[in-house]
Structures are given as structure tokens and as C-alpha cells.
N, C-alpha and C. Protein backbone atom coordinates (compact mmCIF):
# COMPACT_ATOMS: atom_id res chain seq x y z
N UNK A 1 15.86 -5.40 -2.56
CA UNK A 1 14.53 -5.50 -3.12
C UNK A 1 13.57 -4.72 -2.25
N UNK A 2 12.76 -3.87 -2.87
CA UNK A 2 11.75 -3.08 -2.15
C UNK A 2 10.45 -3.88 -2.11
N UNK A 3 10.05 -4.24 -0.89
CA UNK A 3 8.88 -5.10 -0.71
C UNK A 3 7.79 -4.35 0.05
N UNK A 4 6.58 -4.43 -0.45
CA UNK A 4 5.40 -3.89 0.22
C UNK A 4 4.76 -5.04 0.99
N UNK A 5 4.61 -4.90 2.30
CA UNK A 5 4.03 -5.94 3.14
C UNK A 5 2.57 -5.62 3.42
N UNK A 6 1.68 -6.58 3.12
CA UNK A 6 0.25 -6.37 3.30
C UNK A 6 -0.41 -7.59 3.93
N UNK A 7 -1.07 -7.42 5.08
CA UNK A 7 -1.87 -8.51 5.64
C UNK A 7 -3.22 -8.56 4.92
N UNK A 8 -3.74 -9.77 4.73
CA UNK A 8 -5.03 -9.94 4.05
C UNK A 8 -5.97 -10.80 4.88
N UNK A 9 -7.26 -10.58 4.67
CA UNK A 9 -8.26 -11.46 5.25
C UNK A 9 -8.24 -12.76 4.45
N UNK A 10 -8.72 -13.83 5.06
CA UNK A 10 -8.67 -15.17 4.46
C UNK A 10 -9.23 -15.22 3.05
N UNK A 11 -10.39 -14.60 2.83
CA UNK A 11 -11.05 -14.66 1.52
C UNK A 11 -10.14 -14.12 0.41
N UNK A 12 -9.53 -12.95 0.63
CA UNK A 12 -8.70 -12.33 -0.41
C UNK A 12 -7.36 -13.05 -0.55
N UNK A 13 -6.81 -13.51 0.56
CA UNK A 13 -5.56 -14.28 0.51
C UNK A 13 -5.75 -15.54 -0.33
N UNK A 14 -6.83 -16.26 -0.08
CA UNK A 14 -7.09 -17.50 -0.81
C UNK A 14 -7.31 -17.25 -2.30
N UNK A 15 -8.01 -16.18 -2.65
CA UNK A 15 -8.24 -15.87 -4.06
C UNK A 15 -6.93 -15.55 -4.78
N UNK A 16 -6.06 -14.80 -4.13
CA UNK A 16 -4.76 -14.48 -4.73
C UNK A 16 -3.91 -15.73 -4.84
N UNK A 17 -3.93 -16.56 -3.80
CA UNK A 17 -3.16 -17.80 -3.80
C UNK A 17 -3.60 -18.74 -4.93
N UNK A 18 -4.89 -18.78 -5.22
CA UNK A 18 -5.41 -19.63 -6.30
C UNK A 18 -5.22 -19.01 -7.68
N UNK A 19 -4.79 -17.75 -7.74
CA UNK A 19 -4.59 -17.07 -9.01
C UNK A 19 -5.85 -16.44 -9.58
N UNK A 20 -6.89 -16.29 -8.77
CA UNK A 20 -8.16 -15.72 -9.22
C UNK A 20 -8.20 -14.20 -9.13
N UNK A 21 -7.32 -13.62 -8.34
CA UNK A 21 -7.35 -12.18 -8.09
C UNK A 21 -5.96 -11.59 -8.37
N UNK A 22 -5.78 -10.91 -9.53
CA UNK A 22 -4.46 -10.40 -9.90
C UNK A 22 -4.16 -8.99 -9.40
N UNK A 23 -4.95 -8.46 -8.48
CA UNK A 23 -4.70 -7.13 -7.94
C UNK A 23 -5.27 -7.03 -6.53
N UNK A 24 -4.72 -6.11 -5.77
CA UNK A 24 -5.18 -5.88 -4.40
C UNK A 24 -5.51 -4.41 -4.27
N UNK A 25 -6.45 -4.08 -3.38
CA UNK A 25 -6.95 -2.71 -3.25
C UNK A 25 -6.67 -2.15 -1.87
N UNK A 26 -6.43 -0.84 -1.85
CA UNK A 26 -6.29 -0.11 -0.59
C UNK A 26 -7.01 1.23 -0.73
N UNK A 27 -7.70 1.62 0.32
CA UNK A 27 -8.48 2.87 0.32
C UNK A 27 -7.57 4.10 0.17
N UNK A 28 -8.15 5.17 -0.33
CA UNK A 28 -7.42 6.44 -0.44
C UNK A 28 -7.57 7.18 0.89
N UNK A 29 -6.64 6.92 1.78
CA UNK A 29 -6.60 7.57 3.09
C UNK A 29 -5.21 8.16 3.28
N UNK A 30 -5.02 9.08 4.21
CA UNK A 30 -3.67 9.62 4.43
C UNK A 30 -2.64 8.52 4.72
N UNK A 31 -3.05 7.47 5.43
CA UNK A 31 -2.12 6.36 5.73
C UNK A 31 -1.62 5.71 4.45
N UNK A 32 -2.54 5.36 3.53
CA UNK A 32 -2.14 4.67 2.30
C UNK A 32 -1.47 5.61 1.31
N UNK A 33 -1.83 6.87 1.33
CA UNK A 33 -1.12 7.85 0.49
C UNK A 33 0.35 7.88 0.91
N UNK A 34 0.61 7.92 2.20
CA UNK A 34 1.99 7.96 2.69
C UNK A 34 2.75 6.67 2.36
N UNK A 35 2.08 5.52 2.39
CA UNK A 35 2.75 4.25 2.11
C UNK A 35 2.96 3.99 0.63
N UNK A 36 2.06 4.50 -0.21
CA UNK A 36 2.10 4.14 -1.63
C UNK A 36 2.56 5.25 -2.56
N UNK A 37 2.70 6.48 -2.03
CA UNK A 37 3.08 7.59 -2.88
C UNK A 37 4.25 8.36 -2.27
N UNK A 38 4.95 9.11 -3.13
CA UNK A 38 6.05 9.95 -2.67
C UNK A 38 6.03 11.26 -3.44
N UNK A 39 6.65 12.27 -2.87
CA UNK A 39 6.72 13.58 -3.51
C UNK A 39 8.10 13.73 -4.14
N UNK A 40 8.12 14.24 -5.36
CA UNK A 40 9.39 14.46 -6.06
C UNK A 40 9.76 15.93 -6.16
N UNK A 41 9.24 16.73 -5.28
CA UNK A 41 9.50 18.16 -5.33
C UNK A 41 10.27 18.61 -4.10
N UNK A 42 11.27 19.44 -4.32
CA UNK A 42 12.03 20.02 -3.21
C UNK A 42 11.23 21.14 -2.55
N UNK A 43 10.16 21.57 -3.21
CA UNK A 43 9.33 22.66 -2.70
C UNK A 43 8.46 22.21 -1.54
N UNK A 44 8.01 20.97 -1.59
CA UNK A 44 7.09 20.45 -0.57
C UNK A 44 7.83 19.93 0.65
N UNK A 45 7.17 20.03 1.78
CA UNK A 45 7.65 19.32 2.96
C UNK A 45 6.76 18.11 3.12
N UNK A 46 7.31 16.98 3.49
CA UNK A 46 6.57 15.72 3.53
C UNK A 46 5.30 15.79 4.38
N UNK A 47 5.33 16.56 5.46
CA UNK A 47 4.14 16.62 6.33
C UNK A 47 3.01 17.46 5.74
N UNK A 48 3.27 18.26 4.70
CA UNK A 48 2.24 19.09 4.09
C UNK A 48 2.08 18.78 2.60
N UNK A 49 2.35 17.56 2.22
CA UNK A 49 2.39 17.21 0.80
C UNK A 49 1.23 16.31 0.38
N UNK A 50 0.17 16.24 1.14
CA UNK A 50 -0.94 15.34 0.83
C UNK A 50 -1.56 15.59 -0.54
N UNK A 51 -1.76 16.85 -0.90
CA UNK A 51 -2.40 17.18 -2.17
C UNK A 51 -1.41 17.72 -3.20
N UNK A 52 -0.17 17.45 -3.02
CA UNK A 52 0.88 17.97 -3.91
C UNK A 52 0.73 17.42 -5.33
N UNK A 53 0.94 18.27 -6.32
CA UNK A 53 0.85 17.83 -7.72
C UNK A 53 2.09 17.07 -8.17
N UNK A 54 3.13 17.05 -7.35
CA UNK A 54 4.37 16.37 -7.69
C UNK A 54 4.43 14.94 -7.16
N UNK A 55 3.34 14.47 -6.57
CA UNK A 55 3.32 13.11 -6.02
C UNK A 55 3.33 12.08 -7.13
N UNK A 56 4.01 10.97 -6.88
CA UNK A 56 3.99 9.84 -7.81
C UNK A 56 3.99 8.56 -6.98
N UNK A 57 3.65 7.46 -7.63
CA UNK A 57 3.59 6.19 -6.92
C UNK A 57 4.99 5.68 -6.61
N UNK A 58 5.16 5.11 -5.42
CA UNK A 58 6.43 4.50 -5.06
C UNK A 58 6.63 3.25 -5.91
N UNK A 59 7.87 2.91 -6.13
CA UNK A 59 8.18 1.71 -6.91
C UNK A 59 8.54 0.57 -5.96
N UNK A 60 7.76 -0.48 -6.02
CA UNK A 60 8.02 -1.68 -5.23
C UNK A 60 8.38 -2.81 -6.19
N UNK A 61 9.31 -3.65 -5.80
CA UNK A 61 9.69 -4.81 -6.61
C UNK A 61 8.73 -5.98 -6.38
N UNK A 62 8.23 -6.08 -5.16
CA UNK A 62 7.39 -7.23 -4.80
C UNK A 62 6.38 -6.84 -3.73
N UNK A 63 5.36 -7.68 -3.62
CA UNK A 63 4.35 -7.54 -2.57
C UNK A 63 4.33 -8.84 -1.78
N UNK A 64 4.49 -8.73 -0.45
CA UNK A 64 4.44 -9.89 0.41
C UNK A 64 3.11 -9.87 1.17
N UNK A 65 2.27 -10.87 0.89
CA UNK A 65 0.98 -10.98 1.54
C UNK A 65 1.09 -11.95 2.71
N UNK A 66 0.47 -11.58 3.81
CA UNK A 66 0.39 -12.51 4.94
C UNK A 66 -1.07 -12.84 5.19
N UNK A 67 -1.29 -14.03 5.66
CA UNK A 67 -2.63 -14.52 5.99
C UNK A 67 -2.98 -13.91 7.34
N UNK A 68 -3.63 -12.75 7.32
CA UNK A 68 -3.87 -12.01 8.55
C UNK A 68 -2.53 -11.58 9.13
N UNK A 69 -2.36 -11.81 10.41
CA UNK A 69 -1.08 -11.48 11.05
C UNK A 69 -0.35 -12.75 11.48
N UNK A 70 -0.44 -13.78 10.62
CA UNK A 70 0.25 -15.04 10.89
C UNK A 70 1.57 -15.08 10.12
N UNK A 71 2.29 -16.18 10.23
CA UNK A 71 3.55 -16.35 9.50
C UNK A 71 3.33 -16.93 8.09
N UNK A 72 2.10 -17.27 7.76
CA UNK A 72 1.79 -17.79 6.43
C UNK A 72 1.88 -16.64 5.43
N UNK A 73 2.79 -16.78 4.44
CA UNK A 73 3.06 -15.68 3.51
C UNK A 73 3.23 -16.17 2.08
N UNK A 74 3.07 -15.23 1.15
CA UNK A 74 3.39 -15.49 -0.25
C UNK A 74 3.91 -14.18 -0.86
N UNK A 75 4.81 -14.30 -1.80
CA UNK A 75 5.47 -13.15 -2.40
C UNK A 75 5.15 -13.09 -3.89
N UNK A 76 4.73 -11.91 -4.35
CA UNK A 76 4.40 -11.70 -5.76
C UNK A 76 5.19 -10.53 -6.31
N UNK A 77 5.48 -10.59 -7.59
CA UNK A 77 6.08 -9.49 -8.31
C UNK A 77 5.07 -8.33 -8.30
N UNK A 78 5.54 -7.11 -8.11
CA UNK A 78 4.68 -5.93 -8.14
C UNK A 78 4.79 -5.30 -9.53
N UNK A 79 3.67 -5.25 -10.25
CA UNK A 79 3.65 -4.69 -11.60
C UNK A 79 3.27 -3.22 -11.61
N UNK A 80 3.13 -2.62 -10.44
CA UNK A 80 2.83 -1.20 -10.35
C UNK A 80 1.59 -0.91 -9.54
N UNK A 81 1.41 0.37 -9.27
CA UNK A 81 0.27 0.85 -8.50
C UNK A 81 -0.41 1.93 -9.33
N UNK A 82 -1.72 1.87 -9.39
CA UNK A 82 -2.49 2.89 -10.09
C UNK A 82 -3.63 3.33 -9.19
N UNK A 83 -4.32 4.37 -9.60
CA UNK A 83 -5.50 4.84 -8.87
C UNK A 83 -6.68 4.74 -9.80
N UNK A 84 -7.69 3.99 -9.41
CA UNK A 84 -8.84 3.82 -10.28
C UNK A 84 -9.93 3.00 -9.64
N UNK A 85 -10.85 2.54 -10.50
CA UNK A 85 -11.98 1.74 -10.05
C UNK A 85 -11.65 0.26 -10.19
N UNK A 86 -11.70 -0.48 -9.10
CA UNK A 86 -11.41 -1.90 -9.12
C UNK A 86 -12.67 -2.73 -9.34
N UNK A 87 -12.51 -4.02 -9.27
CA UNK A 87 -13.64 -4.95 -9.47
C UNK A 87 -14.26 -5.31 -8.13
N UNK A 88 -15.56 -5.03 -7.95
CA UNK A 88 -16.23 -5.31 -6.68
C UNK A 88 -16.16 -6.78 -6.27
N UNK A 89 -16.18 -7.71 -7.22
CA UNK A 89 -16.11 -9.13 -6.88
C UNK A 89 -14.75 -9.52 -6.31
N UNK A 90 -13.77 -8.64 -6.47
CA UNK A 90 -12.44 -8.87 -5.90
C UNK A 90 -12.21 -8.01 -4.66
N UNK A 91 -13.27 -7.39 -4.15
CA UNK A 91 -13.18 -6.64 -2.90
C UNK A 91 -13.00 -5.15 -3.05
N UNK A 92 -13.08 -4.62 -4.26
CA UNK A 92 -12.92 -3.18 -4.46
C UNK A 92 -14.16 -2.42 -4.00
N UNK A 93 -13.97 -1.24 -3.43
CA UNK A 93 -15.12 -0.42 -3.05
C UNK A 93 -15.77 0.19 -4.30
N UNK A 94 -16.90 0.85 -4.12
CA UNK A 94 -17.62 1.46 -5.24
C UNK A 94 -17.12 2.86 -5.59
N UNK A 95 -15.88 3.15 -5.28
CA UNK A 95 -15.27 4.42 -5.63
C UNK A 95 -13.80 4.18 -5.99
N UNK A 96 -13.13 5.21 -6.45
CA UNK A 96 -11.73 5.04 -6.85
C UNK A 96 -10.87 4.69 -5.64
N UNK A 97 -9.87 3.87 -5.90
CA UNK A 97 -9.02 3.34 -4.84
C UNK A 97 -7.63 3.06 -5.40
N UNK A 98 -6.69 2.77 -4.52
CA UNK A 98 -5.37 2.34 -4.99
C UNK A 98 -5.50 0.89 -5.47
N UNK A 99 -4.92 0.61 -6.63
CA UNK A 99 -4.92 -0.74 -7.19
C UNK A 99 -3.47 -1.19 -7.31
N UNK A 100 -3.12 -2.25 -6.62
CA UNK A 100 -1.77 -2.81 -6.66
C UNK A 100 -1.80 -4.00 -7.61
N UNK A 101 -1.12 -3.86 -8.73
CA UNK A 101 -1.12 -4.88 -9.79
C UNK A 101 -0.06 -5.94 -9.46
N UNK A 102 -0.47 -7.21 -9.57
CA UNK A 102 0.42 -8.31 -9.23
C UNK A 102 0.91 -9.02 -10.49
N UNK A 103 2.15 -9.47 -10.43
CA UNK A 103 2.73 -10.27 -11.51
C UNK A 103 2.81 -11.72 -11.07
N UNK A 104 3.88 -12.38 -11.45
CA UNK A 104 4.00 -13.79 -11.13
C UNK A 104 4.36 -14.00 -9.66
N UNK A 105 4.02 -15.17 -9.19
CA UNK A 105 4.34 -15.53 -7.81
C UNK A 105 5.82 -15.87 -7.71
N UNK A 106 6.47 -15.30 -6.70
CA UNK A 106 7.91 -15.51 -6.52
C UNK A 106 8.22 -16.60 -5.52
N UNK A 107 7.31 -16.90 -4.61
CA UNK A 107 7.47 -18.04 -3.68
C UNK A 107 6.14 -18.48 -3.13
């Protein structure tokens, strides 16, 4: 199973745990591009593929959230990753960002 591990601040962890927030956001930075996207072209080299047109989202089976950097965790089905405008009341910035869609809770 391919699992994406993400630490969360208390506010967002609690909202997801209560079922109020069905998605999580990550900024569009080189770090998150590398973690959430991959290149499908033999033409590109991974270190120079930031703006490659052959990039696509990685496929994860689940997302494991931790309460900060503690051992308190919960696992959710990953319904996919998209790039778009999230909801500010759920912590999204006022610009396009990575949106990680959550499915049912697995534990």
C-alpha cells in the first residue's frame, strides 16, 4: 500500500477526525511538487523536471495523518490529488494549491 504521511496542526487534525474537512492542502513548492508529482517522460531528468509537461500526480492508496509529530495517527483512503482553489475555512490559501482528496477512514 502506498501511503502519504502528513503531520497536521491540532485544528486541522481535529476537523478531519470529526469528518468536517474532506481534503487537505499543501503549497505549490518544489518540495511538494517532488512529493506529490512524478514525471512520465524518459526525456526529462528528475532534477530538471520541475516544469515538465509530462508530470502527473502520484497515486497514493492512503493518507496517514499525525497529530503534529506525535504517535497519534489516523489513516484515510486517498481519493486523488488535484491542483486548484481550496476552501479558506478549511485552511486553504487564497491561491491555487495541491488538494488531497480524502475518502473513508481506514482506522
